[in-house]
Amino acid sequence: MMKLKQLLQFRTHLSGNLLHGKPGDIRNPSWLHAFTSRVGLSTATGHFTDKGKSSDRVFADYCVYKGKASLSMYPVLPKFSRLDSGGLKVDRRGVMMLTFSPAIGERKYDWEKKQFFALSAVEMGSLISLGSGGSCEFFHDPSMKTSNAGQVRKTLSVKPVEGGSYFLSLSVVNNMLQTNDRLTVPITAAEFAVMKTACSFALPHILGWDRYMDQKQQPVKRVCLGLILVARSCVSHSNCT
């Protein structure tokens, strides 16, 4: 009984430090509710593999459907590799994937002919920092540094129009297939604001910094979880009073 009392005193002191430096009684059910409410979000963790892929597949793209083409965007998480020390390092940074699909009728699109353009972190920064009336253009060679370099050239342009709207155009020249595709999607000011905000939110995840910051919080999470388990046990047993 004495050991249990000492344990409770220690937990109470620790909980007081965690909750804004104020003393808290771990045996008080109202304190338990407040504490679990405060740490509920911080103790929630995602389930990822070493390759940076979620064990539960989630599909959440932002789509814009227009008369001549559609545009969707979604983040692609970075890939991690395991070090000999046991840690993880970014093996390949993530991107913001843009997908353009041509229209083949009213509200119908040819998904088989969709074209992709992967925005890097710096290109996302250019999009985020784009001011009113500004424009930008990006050039990609998917086969750069290979024997097929220059065979496929992709150009993404963002050009303003009146009223704060934009035209997003993707040009894909494929010399191997002898094709030259150009897809243009008009984007309203509101839609462009959503795209910029989505890029701002996704950028730390694209860099892998969410995983880096999560490891810093793990010790605090373990303490919080331990406090919650002890508190719940004490509340449910009258002999802890």
Protein backbone atom coordinates (compact mmCIF):
# COMPACT_ATOMS: atom_id res chain seq x y z
CA MET A 1 0.00 0.00 0.00
CA MET A 2 2.88 2.34 0.79
CA LYS A 3 4.50 1.65 -2.59
CA LEU A 4 1.24 2.37 -4.34
CA LYS A 5 0.89 5.66 -2.47
CA GLN A 6 4.42 6.67 -3.44
CA LEU A 7 3.72 5.78 -7.05
CA LEU A 8 0.61 7.91 -7.07
CA GLN A 9 2.50 10.83 -5.56
CA PHE A 10 5.16 10.53 -8.25
CA ARG A 11 2.57 10.31 -11.03
CA THR A 12 0.66 13.25 -9.61
CA HIS A 13 3.81 15.35 -9.51
CA LEU A 14 4.68 14.38 -13.07
CA SER A 15 1.21 15.08 -14.35
CA GLY A 16 1.31 18.51 -12.76
CA ASN A 17 4.45 19.34 -14.67
CA LEU A 18 2.93 18.20 -17.94
CA LEU A 19 -0.32 20.10 -17.54
CA HIS A 20 1.01 23.66 -17.74
CA GLY A 21 3.01 23.28 -14.53
CA LYS A 22 -0.13 23.06 -12.38
CA PRO A 23 -0.53 20.31 -9.80
CA GLY A 24 -3.00 17.65 -10.87
CA ASP A 25 -4.58 14.78 -8.99
CA ILE A 26 -4.25 11.63 -11.06
CA ARG A 27 -6.99 9.99 -8.99
CA ASN A 28 -9.52 12.64 -10.01
CA PRO A 29 -11.74 11.47 -12.92
CA SER A 30 -12.14 15.05 -14.17
CA TRP A 31 -8.34 15.34 -14.37
CA LEU A 32 -8.23 12.09 -16.35
CA HIS A 33 -10.74 13.44 -18.87
CA ALA A 34 -8.80 16.69 -19.27
CA PHE A 35 -5.48 14.90 -19.58
CA THR A 36 -6.63 12.38 -22.19
CA SER A 37 -8.26 15.23 -24.13
CA ARG A 38 -4.97 17.13 -24.19
CA VAL A 39 -2.81 14.23 -25.29
CA GLY A 40 -5.33 12.48 -27.51
CA LEU A 41 -4.00 13.99 -30.71
CA SER A 42 -0.32 13.87 -29.82
CA THR A 43 -0.44 10.17 -28.95
CA ALA A 44 -2.08 9.20 -32.24
CA THR A 45 0.49 7.78 -34.65
CA GLY A 46 0.28 6.62 -38.23
CA HIS A 47 1.24 3.14 -39.35
CA PHE A 48 4.01 3.25 -41.94
CA THR A 49 6.42 0.74 -43.36
CA ASP A 50 10.14 1.33 -43.78
CA LYS A 51 9.46 2.41 -47.34
CA GLY A 52 7.27 5.24 -46.11
CA LYS A 53 4.05 3.64 -47.31
CA SER A 54 0.96 3.52 -45.17
CA SER A 55 -0.19 0.05 -44.15
CA ASP A 56 -3.78 1.23 -44.72
CA ARG A 57 -4.17 2.60 -48.24
CA VAL A 58 -5.85 6.00 -48.26
CA PHE A 59 -6.90 7.79 -51.45
CA ALA A 60 -7.61 11.51 -51.06
CA ASP A 61 -6.97 13.53 -54.20
CA TYR A 62 -8.29 16.98 -55.04
CA CYS A 63 -10.03 17.00 -58.42
CA VAL A 64 -11.16 19.74 -60.78
CA TYR A 65 -13.39 18.73 -63.70
CA LYS A 66 -13.67 21.12 -66.64
CA GLY A 67 -15.00 20.95 -70.20
CA LYS A 68 -11.85 19.90 -72.05
CA ALA A 69 -9.85 18.15 -69.34
CA SER A 70 -9.72 17.28 -65.67
CA LEU A 71 -6.99 17.87 -63.11
CA SER A 72 -6.31 15.96 -59.91
CA MET A 73 -3.55 16.39 -57.36
CA TYR A 74 -2.39 14.21 -54.49
CA PRO A 75 0.77 13.93 -52.40
CA VAL A 76 3.18 11.04 -52.84
CA LEU A 77 5.04 10.34 -49.59
CA PRO A 78 8.82 9.93 -49.55
CA LYS A 79 10.47 6.52 -49.45
CA PHE A 80 12.75 5.62 -46.55
CA SER A 81 15.57 3.11 -46.27
CA ARG A 82 16.78 1.42 -43.10
CA LEU A 83 20.31 2.26 -41.89
CA ASP A 84 22.64 -0.24 -40.24
CA SER A 85 22.19 1.72 -37.02
CA GLY A 86 18.46 1.01 -37.13
CA GLY A 87 17.39 4.51 -38.09
CA LEU A 88 15.62 5.65 -41.23
CA LYS A 89 16.75 8.08 -43.90
CA VAL A 90 14.91 9.58 -46.84
CA ASP A 91 15.80 7.48 -49.87
CA ARG A 92 13.56 9.37 -52.27
CA ARG A 93 11.72 12.58 -51.50
CA GLY A 94 8.00 12.80 -52.07
CA VAL A 95 6.22 14.88 -54.70
CA MET A 96 2.87 16.48 -55.39
CA MET A 97 1.48 14.52 -58.31
CA LEU A 98 -0.65 16.34 -60.88
CA THR A 99 -2.76 14.24 -63.25
CA PHE A 100 -4.37 15.63 -66.41
CA SER A 101 -7.01 13.63 -68.30
CA PRO A 102 -8.61 14.68 -71.62
CA ALA A 103 -12.39 14.95 -71.93
CA ILE A 104 -14.19 12.63 -74.38
CA GLY A 105 -17.69 13.93 -73.75
CA GLU A 106 -19.83 15.77 -71.24
CA ARG A 107 -18.51 14.83 -67.80
CA LYS A 108 -16.57 11.94 -69.37
CA TYR A 109 -12.80 11.63 -69.39
CA ASP A 110 -10.31 9.28 -70.99
CA TRP A 111 -8.42 7.96 -67.95
CA GLU A 112 -6.27 5.76 -70.21
CA LYS A 113 -4.67 8.84 -71.75
CA LYS A 114 -3.93 10.70 -68.55
CA GLN A 115 -0.63 12.52 -68.21
CA PHE A 116 1.39 12.98 -65.02
CA PHE A 117 3.55 15.81 -63.74
CA ALA A 118 5.32 15.46 -60.38
CA LEU A 119 5.97 18.73 -58.57
CA SER A 120 9.12 18.74 -56.44
CA ALA A 121 9.34 20.57 -53.11
CA VAL A 122 10.95 23.62 -54.78
CA GLU A 123 8.33 23.67 -57.53
CA MET A 124 5.62 23.48 -54.88
CA GLY A 125 7.28 26.48 -53.24
CA SER A 126 7.08 28.39 -56.53
CA LEU A 127 3.38 27.60 -56.74
CA ILE A 128 2.74 28.57 -53.11
CA SER A 129 4.60 31.88 -53.44
CA LEU A 130 2.89 32.82 -56.71
CA GLY A 131 1.37 36.26 -56.23
CA SER A 132 -1.64 37.82 -57.89
CA GLY A 133 -1.05 38.01 -61.63
CA GLY A 134 2.13 35.93 -61.41
CA SER A 135 3.05 33.04 -63.66
CA CYS A 136 5.50 30.14 -63.61
CA GLU A 137 6.69 27.34 -65.85
CA PHE A 138 8.39 24.00 -65.14
CA PHE A 139 10.27 21.67 -67.47
CA HIS A 140 10.75 17.93 -66.89
CA ASP A 141 12.63 15.21 -68.71
CA PRO A 142 11.52 11.85 -67.20
CA SER A 143 14.51 10.08 -68.76
CA MET A 144 17.15 12.59 -67.74
CA LYS A 145 20.64 11.08 -67.19
CA THR A 146 19.71 7.98 -69.20
CA SER A 147 20.21 6.95 -72.81
CA ASN A 148 16.63 8.10 -73.55
CA ALA A 149 17.21 11.65 -72.34
CA GLY A 150 15.32 14.20 -74.40
CA GLN A 151 12.90 11.68 -75.90
CA VAL A 152 10.05 12.86 -73.66
CA ARG A 153 9.68 16.50 -72.65
CA LYS A 154 7.04 17.79 -70.28
CA THR A 155 6.19 21.44 -69.71
CA LEU A 156 3.77 22.71 -67.07
CA SER A 157 2.74 26.35 -67.27
CA VAL A 158 0.64 28.39 -64.88
CA LYS A 159 -0.68 31.60 -66.43
CA PRO A 160 -3.08 34.15 -64.93
CA VAL A 161 -6.30 35.38 -66.53
CA GLU A 162 -8.73 38.09 -65.52
CA GLY A 163 -10.55 37.79 -62.21
CA GLY A 164 -7.76 35.99 -60.37
CA SER A 165 -8.20 32.76 -62.31
CA TYR A 166 -5.45 30.71 -63.96
CA PHE A 167 -4.82 28.39 -66.87
CA LEU A 168 -2.84 25.25 -66.01
CA SER A 169 -1.45 23.71 -69.16
CA LEU A 170 0.55 20.53 -69.56
CA SER A 171 2.44 19.86 -72.78
CA VAL A 172 3.94 16.42 -73.38
CA VAL A 173 6.14 15.80 -76.43
CA ASN A 174 7.01 12.14 -76.91
CA ASN A 175 9.46 11.60 -79.78
CA MET A 176 9.41 7.82 -79.35
CA LEU A 177 5.63 7.64 -79.89
CA GLN A 178 5.56 10.64 -82.22
CA THR A 179 2.89 12.35 -80.11
CA ASN A 180 2.40 15.91 -78.96
CA ASP A 181 -0.31 16.29 -76.29
CA ARG A 182 -1.47 19.52 -74.68
CA LEU A 183 -4.06 19.63 -71.92
CA THR A 184 -5.35 22.86 -70.41
CA VAL A 185 -7.57 23.25 -67.36
CA PRO A 186 -9.02 26.63 -66.30
CA ILE A 187 -8.71 27.10 -62.53
CA THR A 188 -10.79 29.60 -60.57
CA ALA A 189 -9.29 31.78 -57.86
CA ALA A 190 -10.96 29.64 -55.18
CA GLU A 191 -9.69 26.39 -56.71
CA PHE A 192 -6.18 27.81 -56.98
CA ALA A 193 -6.33 28.86 -53.31
CA VAL A 194 -7.21 25.26 -52.39
CA MET A 195 -4.26 23.98 -54.42
CA LYS A 196 -1.81 26.38 -52.78
CA THR A 197 -3.10 25.57 -49.29
CA ALA A 198 -2.89 21.84 -50.00
CA CYS A 199 0.72 22.26 -51.14
CA SER A 200 1.59 24.21 -47.99
CA PHE A 201 0.07 21.52 -45.78
CA ALA A 202 1.70 18.63 -47.65
CA LEU A 203 5.19 20.13 -47.98
CA PRO A 204 6.60 18.94 -44.58
CA HIS A 205 5.26 15.45 -45.30
CA ILE A 206 6.82 15.51 -48.77
CA LEU A 207 10.20 16.24 -47.15
CA GLY A 208 9.71 13.53 -44.53
CA TRP A 209 9.87 16.04 -41.69
CA ASP A 210 6.69 14.73 -40.07
CA ARG A 211 8.49 11.45 -39.40
CA TYR A 212 11.52 13.33 -38.10
CA MET A 213 9.46 15.43 -35.68
CA ASP A 214 7.45 12.39 -34.58
CA GLN A 215 10.58 10.66 -33.27
CA LYS A 216 11.26 13.69 -31.05
CA GLN A 217 7.82 13.33 -29.48
CA GLN A 218 7.99 9.59 -28.84
CA PRO A 219 9.39 9.85 -25.24
CA VAL A 220 6.64 12.31 -24.28
CA LYS A 221 4.04 10.07 -25.91
CA ARG A 222 5.20 7.06 -23.92
CA VAL A 223 5.00 9.04 -20.66
CA CYS A 224 1.53 10.31 -21.54
CA LEU A 225 0.27 6.84 -22.40
CA GLY A 226 1.70 5.47 -19.15
CA LEU A 227 -0.05 8.19 -17.15
CA ILE A 228 -3.35 7.49 -18.88
CA LEU A 229 -3.16 3.76 -18.20
CA VAL A 230 -2.26 4.26 -14.52
CA ALA A 231 -4.95 6.90 -14.06
CA ARG A 232 -7.64 4.73 -15.61
CA SER A 233 -6.61 1.81 -13.46
CA CYS A 234 -6.73 3.91 -10.29
CA VAL A 235 -10.11 5.42 -11.09
CA SER A 236 -11.61 1.97 -11.69
CA HIS A 237 -10.33 0.50 -8.41
CA SER A 238 -11.55 1.88 -5.10
CA ASN A 239 -8.45 0.63 -3.26
CA CYS A 240 -6.35 3.33 -4.97
CA THR A 241 -8.03 6.10 -2.97
